[in-house]
C-alpha cells in the first residue's frame, strides 16, 4: 500500500472515530437533558443559552491559549462574517434548540430518531445541487424513512399521532437544522479550523438567544444530580461533541459524517428505555429501525456526493 493510501486511510479512520465519539456523547446528552426537563423541570431555553455561552467561551479560550490561534482573524473578512452568523443562528443555535424542544415535547429517543432524518435531507439536497438523479437506493431510503417516521409518530394507525404535534414539528425542524449545520460551514472549517468556528458559533448563538431568554431567567430546581447533568451537557454533550463532529468534516464529507452519526439515536433510545423507563413499544422499535436503516442504505450508495 502506498504512503498516500495509508495517509488517506488513517485520515478516514480518524474522521470516523471523531464522528462516532460525537454521536455517542450527543445520545447520552439528550437523555440527560430529558432527565433535567422531567425530574428537575428545567426549561429548554435556559439550558440551550447556558450551554452555548459557556461552551463557546471555553472553546475560544482553548483556541487562543492552547492552540495559539488568532480567534479574531475570522472577523476580518465580510463574507466569512456573514457565513459565520448564518451558521451560528440557523445551524448551531437552531439545531440545539429544536432538539431540546423535541425532547421536552416527547423524549430523547423519539427526538433523536426524528433528527436523524437529516441524512435523507442532505443526500437529496446534494443530488439536486449536483443535478444528479437520485439512485434507486436513495429513493428506497426515502420511502423507508417516511415509513419509519409514520410508524414512530402514529404507532401504525391513521387515527391520530402517538406523539404531540409539537414533538413532530420540533423533531422535523431539528432534522433540517442538522442538515444545514452539516453542510453550511465547510468552507469556514477549512479556512479557520473547527475550534474557532464552533467556538464563535456557540458564543454568537448564545448571545443572540440571550435576547429571547436571558441566562439569568432560570426555571426549575437544583440538586446534586442536576449540577452534574448540566456540567456533562455543557462539557461533553456540547463542547467536545460538537467539536468532534465538525472536526470529522475535515476527513470525511458531510454526507458520510451524518450517516455514521446514526449511533446517536441508538444510544439515546437504549439509554432512555433503561434509565428513564421510556415506553418504547415494538412498533416504535420497527419505525426506529426503518429510519436508522436509511442511514446504512445511503452509506453504501453507488456514488459519493461531495458538498
Protein backbone atom coordinates (compact mmCIF):
# COMPACT_ATOMS: atom_id res chain seq x y z
CA UNK A 1 0.00 0.00 0.00
CA UNK A 2 1.41 3.40 -0.99
CA UNK A 3 2.13 6.16 1.52
CA UNK A 4 -0.73 8.27 0.12
CA UNK A 5 -3.21 5.44 0.52
CA UNK A 6 -2.06 4.80 4.09
CA UNK A 7 -2.40 8.50 4.93
CA UNK A 8 -5.86 8.59 3.35
CA UNK A 9 -6.92 5.50 5.28
CA UNK A 10 -5.62 6.96 8.56
CA UNK A 11 -7.43 10.25 7.93
CA UNK A 12 -10.67 8.45 7.18
CA UNK A 13 -10.30 6.33 10.33
CA UNK A 14 -9.71 9.49 12.37
CA UNK A 15 -12.83 11.07 10.89
CA UNK A 16 -14.93 8.00 11.70
CA UNK A 17 -13.69 7.87 15.31
CA UNK A 18 -14.41 11.58 15.77
CA UNK A 19 -17.97 11.40 14.47
CA UNK A 20 -18.77 8.25 16.46
CA UNK A 21 -17.49 9.92 19.63
CA UNK A 22 -19.69 12.93 18.95
CA UNK A 23 -22.72 10.76 18.24
CA UNK A 24 -22.44 8.74 21.46
CA UNK A 25 -21.94 11.88 23.56
CA UNK A 26 -24.95 13.52 21.88
CA UNK A 27 -27.10 10.47 22.55
CA UNK A 28 -26.17 10.44 26.24
CA UNK A 29 -26.56 14.22 26.45
CA UNK A 30 -30.08 14.09 25.04
CA UNK A 31 -31.13 11.57 27.67
CA UNK A 32 -29.51 13.64 30.42
CA UNK A 33 -31.44 16.69 29.15
CA UNK A 34 -34.68 14.69 29.31
CA UNK A 35 -33.83 13.90 32.94
CA UNK A 36 -33.47 17.63 33.69
CA UNK A 37 -36.74 18.50 31.91
CA UNK A 38 -38.78 15.77 33.57
CA UNK A 39 -37.25 15.43 37.02
CA UNK A 40 -35.99 18.95 37.73
CA UNK A 41 -38.36 20.90 35.46
CA UNK A 42 -35.61 22.83 33.67
CA UNK A 43 -36.64 24.84 30.59
CA UNK A 44 -35.07 24.03 27.19
CA UNK A 45 -34.49 27.75 26.59
CA UNK A 46 -32.34 28.20 29.69
CA UNK A 47 -30.35 25.03 29.06
CA UNK A 48 -29.66 26.00 25.44
CA UNK A 49 -28.48 29.54 26.18
CA UNK A 50 -26.26 28.44 29.08
CA UNK A 51 -24.65 25.54 27.20
CA UNK A 52 -23.94 27.76 24.18
CA UNK A 53 -22.46 30.66 26.13
CA UNK A 54 -20.25 28.58 28.43
CA UNK A 55 -19.09 26.16 25.73
CA UNK A 56 -18.36 28.99 23.29
CA UNK A 57 -16.26 30.92 25.78
CA UNK A 58 -14.33 27.83 26.89
CA UNK A 59 -13.62 26.75 23.31
CA UNK A 60 -12.38 30.19 22.23
CA UNK A 61 -10.10 30.40 25.26
CA UNK A 62 -8.75 26.95 24.38
CA UNK A 63 -8.16 28.03 20.76
CA UNK A 64 -6.33 31.17 21.85
CA UNK A 65 -4.18 29.78 24.67
CA UNK A 66 -3.65 26.10 23.86
CA UNK A 67 -3.72 26.12 20.06
CA UNK A 68 -2.20 29.65 19.80
CA UNK A 69 -4.75 30.68 17.18
CA UNK A 70 -5.85 34.21 16.32
CA UNK A 71 -9.53 33.97 17.18
CA UNK A 72 -10.27 37.41 15.72
CA UNK A 73 -9.00 36.53 12.24
CA UNK A 74 -12.42 35.34 11.11
CA UNK A 75 -13.88 38.83 11.63
CA UNK A 76 -11.62 40.45 9.03
CA UNK A 77 -13.47 39.01 6.04
CA UNK A 78 -17.02 40.34 5.48
CA UNK A 79 -18.11 37.26 3.55
CA UNK A 80 -16.86 34.96 6.31
CA UNK A 81 -18.60 37.05 8.98
CA UNK A 82 -21.93 36.70 7.18
CA UNK A 83 -21.36 32.96 6.79
CA UNK A 84 -20.44 32.69 10.49
CA UNK A 85 -23.65 34.42 11.57
CA UNK A 86 -25.74 32.17 9.34
CA UNK A 87 -24.06 29.12 10.83
CA UNK A 88 -24.39 30.43 14.39
CA UNK A 89 -28.12 31.16 14.18
CA UNK A 90 -29.55 28.72 11.63
CA UNK A 91 -27.03 25.95 12.35
CA UNK A 92 -25.63 25.94 15.87
CA UNK A 93 -28.48 27.65 17.74
CA UNK A 94 -31.24 26.10 15.64
CA UNK A 95 -30.03 22.51 15.94
CA UNK A 96 -29.62 22.85 19.70
CA UNK A 97 -32.95 24.49 20.46
CA UNK A 98 -35.10 22.40 18.12
CA UNK A 99 -33.57 19.20 19.50
CA UNK A 100 -34.16 20.15 23.14
CA UNK A 101 -37.68 21.37 22.33
CA UNK A 102 -38.39 17.99 20.70
CA UNK A 103 -37.12 16.20 23.82
CA UNK A 104 -39.25 18.43 26.04
CA UNK A 105 -42.35 17.57 24.00
CA UNK A 106 -41.59 13.83 23.68
CA UNK A 107 -38.44 12.07 24.87
CA UNK A 108 -34.77 11.82 23.96
CA UNK A 109 -35.21 8.64 21.92
CA UNK A 110 -38.03 9.95 19.71
CA UNK A 111 -36.43 13.38 19.28
CA UNK A 112 -33.07 11.92 18.29
CA UNK A 113 -34.56 9.45 15.83
CA UNK A 114 -36.60 12.18 14.12
CA UNK A 115 -33.49 14.35 13.96
CA UNK A 116 -31.75 11.60 12.03
CA UNK A 117 -33.93 12.15 9.03
CA UNK A 118 -31.18 14.70 8.29
CA UNK A 119 -29.09 12.29 6.15
CA UNK A 120 -32.05 11.88 3.79
CA UNK A 121 -32.35 15.67 3.52
CA UNK A 122 -28.62 16.06 2.93
CA UNK A 123 -28.47 13.31 0.30
CA UNK A 124 -31.38 14.73 -1.69
CA UNK A 125 -30.12 18.29 -1.40
CA UNK A 126 -26.71 17.30 -2.73
CA UNK A 127 -28.31 15.29 -5.52
CA UNK A 128 -30.32 18.35 -6.62
CA UNK A 129 -27.38 20.68 -6.21
CA UNK A 130 -25.13 18.47 -8.32
CA UNK A 131 -28.02 17.84 -10.74
CA UNK A 132 -27.82 14.08 -10.34
CA UNK A 133 -30.90 11.89 -10.43
CA UNK A 134 -31.46 10.00 -7.17
CA UNK A 135 -30.42 6.38 -7.38
CA UNK A 136 -32.79 3.50 -6.73
CA UNK A 137 -31.20 3.04 -3.32
CA UNK A 138 -31.73 6.69 -2.45
CA UNK A 139 -35.38 6.58 -3.47
CA UNK A 140 -35.86 3.40 -1.44
CA UNK A 141 -34.13 5.04 1.54
CA UNK A 142 -36.52 7.99 1.44
CA UNK A 143 -39.55 5.68 1.30
CA UNK A 144 -38.15 3.68 4.21
CA UNK A 145 -37.56 6.88 6.18
CA UNK A 146 -41.14 8.01 5.57
CA UNK A 147 -42.49 4.62 6.65
CA UNK A 148 -40.33 4.72 9.77
CA UNK A 149 -41.49 8.24 10.62
CA UNK A 150 -45.13 7.22 10.11
CA UNK A 151 -44.77 4.24 12.45
CA UNK A 152 -42.93 6.28 15.06
CA UNK A 153 -45.42 9.14 15.20
CA UNK A 154 -48.68 7.21 14.71
CA UNK A 155 -47.97 3.69 16.06
CA UNK A 156 -49.11 2.45 12.67
CA UNK A 157 -52.63 3.87 12.77
CA UNK A 158 -54.04 6.86 10.88
CA UNK A 159 -56.45 7.66 13.72
CA UNK A 160 -54.03 10.04 15.38
CA UNK A 161 -50.48 10.85 16.43
CA UNK A 162 -48.76 8.82 19.14
CA UNK A 163 -46.68 11.92 19.86
CA UNK A 164 -47.84 15.52 20.05
CA UNK A 165 -47.92 17.75 17.00
CA UNK A 166 -45.29 19.96 18.61
CA UNK A 167 -42.99 16.97 19.17
CA UNK A 168 -43.26 16.12 15.47
CA UNK A 169 -42.74 19.74 14.43
CA UNK A 170 -39.63 20.23 16.56
CA UNK A 171 -38.25 16.82 15.58
CA UNK A 172 -38.51 17.59 11.85
CA UNK A 173 -37.17 21.11 12.42
CA UNK A 174 -34.22 19.52 14.18
CA UNK A 175 -33.56 17.30 11.15
CA UNK A 176 -33.48 20.28 8.78
CA UNK A 177 -31.30 22.22 11.23
CA UNK A 178 -28.82 19.34 11.45
CA UNK A 179 -28.68 19.16 7.65
CA UNK A 180 -27.89 22.89 7.44
CA UNK A 181 -25.39 22.56 10.31
CA UNK A 182 -23.55 19.78 8.46
CA UNK A 183 -23.41 21.45 5.05
CA UNK A 184 -23.08 25.19 5.56
CA UNK A 185 -19.80 25.74 7.50
CA UNK A 186 -17.42 23.58 5.46
CA UNK A 187 -15.56 26.49 3.82
CA UNK A 188 -15.16 28.17 7.20
CA UNK A 189 -13.86 24.94 8.72
CA UNK A 190 -11.24 24.53 6.01
CA UNK A 191 -10.09 28.12 6.42
CA UNK A 192 -10.16 28.62 10.20
CA UNK A 193 -10.49 25.16 11.79
CA UNK A 194 -13.13 23.60 13.99
CA UNK A 195 -12.15 25.22 17.28
CA UNK A 196 -12.64 28.80 16.12
CA UNK A 197 -15.74 28.15 14.00
CA UNK A 198 -17.51 26.10 16.68
CA UNK A 199 -16.43 28.46 19.45
CA UNK A 200 -17.71 31.59 17.73
CA UNK A 201 -20.79 29.73 16.50
CA UNK A 202 -21.72 28.79 20.05
CA UNK A 203 -20.95 32.20 21.54
CA UNK A 204 -22.82 34.15 18.85
CA UNK A 205 -25.76 31.76 19.02
CA UNK A 206 -25.83 32.06 22.80
CA UNK A 207 -25.65 35.86 22.75
CA UNK A 208 -28.42 36.14 20.16
CA UNK A 209 -30.65 33.74 22.11
CA UNK A 210 -29.98 35.69 25.32
CA UNK A 211 -32.20 38.47 23.96
CA UNK A 212 -35.06 35.95 23.83
CA UNK A 213 -34.29 34.07 27.03
CA UNK A 214 -31.80 35.53 29.49
CA UNK A 215 -29.35 33.07 31.10
CA UNK A 216 -30.37 34.68 34.40
CA UNK A 217 -34.00 33.66 33.87
CA UNK A 218 -33.96 30.17 35.39
CA UNK A 219 -36.87 27.76 35.75
CA UNK A 220 -36.65 24.50 37.69
CA UNK A 221 -34.95 23.33 40.85
CA UNK A 222 -31.37 22.33 41.57
CA UNK A 223 -30.00 19.13 43.07
CA UNK A 224 -26.57 17.49 43.13
CA UNK A 225 -27.52 15.29 40.17
CA UNK A 226 -28.80 18.35 38.29
CA UNK A 227 -25.44 20.13 38.71
CA UNK A 228 -23.58 17.12 37.33
CA UNK A 229 -26.10 16.79 34.49
CA UNK A 230 -25.63 20.42 33.40
CA UNK A 231 -21.84 20.08 33.57
CA UNK A 232 -21.99 16.92 31.45
CA UNK A 233 -24.22 18.59 28.85
CA UNK A 234 -22.02 21.69 28.60
CA UNK A 235 -18.63 19.96 28.54
CA UNK A 236 -19.22 16.55 26.96
CA UNK A 237 -22.57 16.89 25.19
CA UNK A 238 -21.78 20.28 23.68
CA UNK A 239 -18.16 21.37 23.75
CA UNK A 240 -16.47 18.05 22.99
CA UNK A 241 -19.27 16.53 20.89
CA UNK A 242 -19.75 19.46 18.50
CA UNK A 243 -16.00 19.93 18.16
CA UNK A 244 -15.51 16.25 17.27
CA UNK A 245 -18.35 16.30 14.75
CA UNK A 246 -17.15 19.38 12.86
CA UNK A 247 -13.53 18.22 13.09
CA UNK A 248 -14.60 14.98 11.38
CA UNK A 249 -15.74 17.01 8.35
CA UNK A 250 -12.08 17.70 7.62
CA UNK A 251 -11.51 13.98 6.97
CA UNK A 252 -14.85 12.71 5.62
CA UNK A 253 -17.64 14.55 3.80
CA UNK A 254 -20.86 15.85 5.37
CA UNK A 255 -22.96 13.02 3.99
CA UNK A 256 -20.69 10.36 5.50
CA UNK A 257 -20.49 12.17 8.85
CA UNK A 258 -24.26 12.36 9.20
CA UNK A 259 -24.58 8.70 8.22
CA UNK A 260 -22.05 7.46 10.75
CA UNK A 261 -23.68 9.55 13.47
CA UNK A 262 -26.58 7.06 13.44
CA UNK A 263 -25.02 5.70 16.62
CA UNK A 264 -26.66 8.64 18.42
CA UNK A 265 -30.31 7.58 18.11
CA UNK A 266 -29.38 4.05 19.14
CA UNK A 267 -27.57 5.22 22.28
CA UNK A 268 -30.35 7.69 23.11
CA UNK A 269 -33.10 5.10 22.65
CA UNK A 270 -31.39 2.38 24.67
CA UNK A 271 -30.41 4.74 27.50
CA UNK A 272 -33.91 6.29 27.63
CA UNK A 273 -35.52 2.88 27.97
CA UNK A 274 -33.04 1.59 30.58
CA UNK A 275 -32.52 4.74 32.67
CA UNK A 276 -35.70 6.83 32.30
CA UNK A 277 -38.12 3.95 31.70
CA UNK A 278 -39.40 5.39 28.43
CA UNK A 279 -42.11 3.13 27.00
CA UNK A 280 -40.83 2.06 23.58
CA UNK A 281 -43.20 -0.46 22.03
CA UNK A 282 -42.47 -2.91 19.21
CA UNK A 283 -43.89 -0.58 16.55
CA UNK A 284 -41.61 2.21 17.85
CA UNK A 285 -38.56 -0.01 17.50
CA UNK A 286 -39.64 -1.03 13.98
CA UNK A 287 -40.11 2.61 12.97
CA UNK A 288 -36.76 3.50 14.51
CA UNK A 289 -35.08 0.62 12.69
CA UNK A 290 -36.56 1.83 9.39
CA UNK A 291 -35.13 5.33 9.87
CA UNK A 292 -31.73 4.07 11.01
CA UNK A 293 -31.69 1.60 8.09
CA UNK A 294 -31.93 4.52 5.66
CA UNK A 295 -28.61 5.72 7.00
CA UNK A 296 -27.00 2.36 6.31
CA UNK A 297 -28.52 2.24 2.82
CA UNK A 298 -27.35 5.75 1.96
CA UNK A 299 -23.86 4.97 3.21
CA UNK A 300 -23.48 2.27 0.54
CA UNK A 301 -24.84 4.20 -2.40
CA UNK A 302 -23.10 3.62 -5.70
CA UNK A 303 -21.70 7.13 -5.91
CA UNK A 304 -20.26 9.54 -3.42
CA UNK A 305 -21.67 13.03 -3.27
CA UNK A 306 -19.43 15.81 -2.09
CA UNK A 307 -20.58 19.05 -0.52
